[in-house]
């Protein structure tokens, strides 16, 4: 079932962030939501995942769905190593962890505390952790920031392959990222 957003409004004090937003996000595909900075992309994501309440409007299609999120901040447990951060969200044993780590260039540091990793490495851990959680819908908020061009291409390819046929909502400023993901683009 698609996620339907109808007549959604959100403001903070006197600033209207979302106004009469109507959008449908299809199930089983990657959708990238794009808009200039400050136009409500992250606010919309926070409403969809239940961290913010809309002032008005209706959202359907999220009922009973498990979600996983990559926030703009990595939100990792800094003292735990890479594998322990992933295990925190793992509800069922999944095979292929070593292969996943290898595909995103983290195999050699899997036992290293996250606090010792670079920003781009932490970003990749956050993405892997979100993928390993049990989810029906994956939300990504600027997931590739801090990655160099080569690593970004590698992680996008990995994510695209890992999410094939699944519902993914990605917030990005980069049209090239959306195209590389094979995503449907929705503009705010």
Foldseek 3Di string as FASTA:
>chain_A
DKKWWAQFWAADVPGTQDGGDTDIADFQFEEEEADPPSNCPVVVVCCLVVNDPTPDTDIDDCPPWFEFECAPDLPFDQQFFLVVRLVVQAPDDDPDPLVLCVLLVNNVRRRPGNVPDDPQVSLSSSVNSRLNHDGQEYEYEQSRPPPDPVSLLSVLVVVLVSRHRGHYYYYDHDPVSCVSSVHHYDYD
